[in-house]
Amino acid sequence: MFRPLPVAIGLRYLRAKRRNGFISFISLASILGIALGVTVLITTLAVMSGFQKEIRDRLLQMSAHATVSADGEPMTDWQHAVDVAMKDPRVAGAAPYIEIQGMLAGPRVQGAVVQGVDPALEPKVSVLGEKMQKGSLDSLQPGEFNILLGKELALWIGVDVGDSVVATLAEIQGTPAGAMPRTKRFKVSGIFEAGSNEVDRGVAFVNMSDLERVLRTEGATGVRLKLHDMDQAYTVARDLALNLDGYYRVMDWTQQNANLYHSLRMEKTVMGILLSLIILMGAFTLVNSQVMLVTDKQADIAILRTLGLTPGGVMQVFMVQGTLIGVIGTVLGAIGGVTLTLNLERILDGIEKLFNITLLPEDVYYITGLPTDMQAWDVTVTLLTALLMSFLATLYPAWRAARTQPAEALRYE
């Protein structure tokens, strides 16, 4: 089979036994360094993506992917908005809500967000009913003024199912004694645990009609949407707002949790850049091995030049060999990274059993396992980065080989 001469010589140099075994050892170290860097980077990015997905799912399971709310006024036509939203095939569920800040007082006082929900429609946009530890979502019947508290919120206030809490809402009413906040006594009918500190300690749920009576308003704050594809949240919510009459405020889950969302993305990006330095170390080792190989092959290069091989051809010989070392290391790293990621949970269980320890205790972490989410884009970027670094590492040694003068190289041979 025909092969270009530089490729054939480069492959020959790669396969042949060298007289200088130290150069072979450095080449092997280059392969292992690149492979180790690729393996670590693929596994780490998969773990960080898994944690990001787990945290995102825990946040969104109790909230909507997107919300459409009236601009400063109650949404009196929320039923029409729900009907329009459900006609969109991208929407999995829609439900109205009322949201207001308040203070909940039992034996102790704690601030919280009080949300009014419709028990019949709420299961379409959240898993509140599935997260109930005591009581049920159906206990939020109109006129009974029941309230559902997060586990940590109830513990902090010092109440349990059957106890009463006084809700002081951030709504001012005029009285003969002056402006007073609206207050109402609610009965605790259930306790839930979402697995998110922000929700378990800072959110309480009541029936939407009861909250309307307390606030003396009609209508909802807005409509929450649950989508089949959460990445289309803003587009779907915007389309719904355009189909309704009036001005509406559109927010998706990335805006509602902007600080956490951007911090997770930045953390993953910075970690990927830092771990890329491992691949860079392997590339520097590749530079060393190629420079030593060029020095060792001075006589061969001179002979090839006298036989008519151009400086560009000499450069291609060593670029082929160095690039192949990078390709081998990258392929081994890809295999190792995918294999390690797929078996990481088993390895973690084995370490815990071997040393009789718990790496992620339940009383400290909400996430007790080691979630992984190996994304094709992350793997592709990692492999392309390793190949690019390996290719760039071959340029200087190859350029140095191309500058070899045959007369000077053969003077002492």
Foldseek 3Di string as FASTA:
>chain_A
DDDPPLLVLLVVVQPDDDPDVVLVVLLVLLLQLLLVLLQVLLQVLQLLVQVLVVVLCLVQQQAFQKWKFADVAFDQVQVVLQVVLVVDQFFQAKWFKAWFWKWKADVHIDIAIEMATALVRSVSRHVQQVFWPFAGSVVQDPPQQAKEAAPQQCVVNVHDQFDKIKIFTPAWDQDPVGIGTQIDIHGYRTYGYSLDPCRRRHYMYHHNNNVCVSNVHHHGRTMGTHGPDSVCQQVSQVVSQVVDPDDIDMDGPCRVPVVVSVVSVVVSVVVSVVSVVSLLVSLVSLLVSLLVVLVVCLQVLLVVVVVPQALVSLLSNQLSNLLVSLVSSLVSSLVSNVVCNVCVQVVQVVVCVVVVHQPQDVVPHSDRGRTTHRDPVSSVVSSVSSSVSSSVSSNVSSNVSSPRHSCVSPVVD
